[in-house]
C-alpha cells in the first residue's frame, strides 16, 4: 500500500489511459468503468499521501 501511496500519479495515468483508450471506440464497457474507478482511487491515495507525516 505504501508503494501505491508514493506512486499515486502512476495509478492515475494507468486509469486515465484505460478509460480514454476504451472510450475512443465509442463503446461503454467494463474497462472504462475500471479506468475511471482507478482515477478516483488515485485521488484517495493523494489524500492519504498529504496526511502522512514526512
C-alpha atoms as a PDB file:
ATOM      1  CA  UNK A   1       0.000   0.000   0.000  1.00  0.00           C
ATOM      2  CA  UNK A   2       2.867   2.376   0.714  1.00  0.00           C
ATOM      3  CA  UNK A   3       4.129   1.815  -2.821  1.00  0.00           C
ATOM      4  CA  UNK A   4       0.758   2.867  -4.236  1.00  0.00           C
ATOM      5  CA  UNK A   5       0.636   5.920  -1.985  1.00  0.00           C
ATOM      6  CA  UNK A   6       4.093   7.017  -3.120  1.00  0.00           C
ATOM      7  CA  UNK A   7       3.297   6.408  -6.807  1.00  0.00           C
ATOM      8  CA  UNK A   8      -0.238   7.732  -6.976  1.00  0.00           C
ATOM      9  CA  UNK A   9       0.285   9.550 -10.273  1.00  0.00           C
ATOM     10  CA  UNK A  10       1.145   6.248 -11.918  1.00  0.00           C
ATOM     11  CA  UNK A  11      -2.168   4.816 -10.757  1.00  0.00           C
ATOM     12  CA  UNK A  12      -3.952   7.892 -12.092  1.00  0.00           C
ATOM     13  CA  UNK A  13      -2.405   7.697 -15.552  1.00  0.00           C
ATOM     14  CA  UNK A  14      -2.948   3.943 -15.845  1.00  0.00           C
ATOM     15  CA  UNK A  15      -6.632   4.511 -15.111  1.00  0.00           C
ATOM     16  CA  UNK A  16      -6.699   7.517 -17.441  1.00  0.00           C
ATOM     17  CA  UNK A  17      -5.273   5.603 -20.382  1.00  0.00           C
ATOM     18  CA  UNK A  18      -7.558   2.622 -19.778  1.00  0.00           C
ATOM     19  CA  UNK A  19     -10.620   4.894 -19.661  1.00  0.00           C
ATOM     20  CA  UNK A  20      -9.636   7.042 -22.639  1.00  0.00           C
ATOM     21  CA  UNK A  21      -8.482   4.087 -24.721  1.00  0.00           C
ATOM     22  CA  UNK A  22     -11.778   2.337 -24.197  1.00  0.00           C
ATOM     23  CA  UNK A  23     -13.896   5.418 -24.862  1.00  0.00           C
ATOM     24  CA  UNK A  24     -12.169   6.055 -28.188  1.00  0.00           C
ATOM     25  CA  UNK A  25     -14.148   3.147 -29.601  1.00  0.00           C
ATOM     26  CA  UNK A  26     -17.483   4.723 -28.525  1.00  0.00           C
ATOM     27  CA  UNK A  27     -18.377   1.642 -26.539  1.00  0.00           C
ATOM     28  CA  UNK A  28     -19.256   1.676 -22.868  1.00  0.00           C
ATOM     29  CA  UNK A  29     -17.711  -1.347 -21.255  1.00  0.00           C
ATOM     30  CA  UNK A  30     -16.274  -2.587 -18.020  1.00  0.00           C
ATOM     31  CA  UNK A  31     -12.816  -1.282 -18.979  1.00  0.00           C
ATOM     32  CA  UNK A  32     -13.957   2.332 -18.913  1.00  0.00           C
ATOM     33  CA  UNK A  33     -15.582   1.792 -15.518  1.00  0.00           C
ATOM     34  CA  UNK A  34     -12.371   0.239 -14.203  1.00  0.00           C
ATOM     35  CA  UNK A  35     -10.316   3.112 -15.630  1.00  0.00           C
ATOM     36  CA  UNK A  36     -12.447   5.794 -14.051  1.00  0.00           C
ATOM     37  CA  UNK A  37     -12.525   3.969 -10.728  1.00  0.00           C
ATOM     38  CA  UNK A  38      -8.705   3.766 -10.778  1.00  0.00           C
ATOM     39  CA  UNK A  39      -8.573   7.516 -11.317  1.00  0.00           C
ATOM     40  CA  UNK A  40     -10.892   8.109  -8.354  1.00  0.00           C
ATOM     41  CA  UNK A  41      -8.817   5.684  -6.257  1.00  0.00           C
ATOM     42  CA  UNK A  42      -5.673   7.655  -7.126  1.00  0.00           C
ATOM     43  CA  UNK A  43      -7.250  10.809  -5.685  1.00  0.00           C
ATOM     44  CA  UNK A  44      -7.855   8.873  -2.476  1.00  0.00           C
ATOM     45  CA  UNK A  45      -4.171   7.872  -2.493  1.00  0.00           C
ATOM     46  CA  UNK A  46      -3.175  11.522  -2.991  1.00  0.00           C
ATOM     47  CA  UNK A  47      -5.283  12.405   0.045  1.00  0.00           C
ATOM     48  CA  UNK A  48      -3.563   9.723   2.105  1.00  0.00           C
ATOM     49  CA  UNK A  49      -0.135  10.953   0.996  1.00  0.00           C
ATOM     50  CA  UNK A  50      -0.943  14.514   2.017  1.00  0.00           C
ATOM     51  CA  UNK A  51      -1.975  13.354   5.502  1.00  0.00           C
ATOM     52  CA  UNK A  52       1.196  11.331   6.140  1.00  0.00           C
ATOM     53  CA  UNK A  53       3.924  12.734   8.326  1.00  0.00           C
ATOM     54  CA  UNK A  54       7.162  13.276   6.467  1.00  0.00           C
END
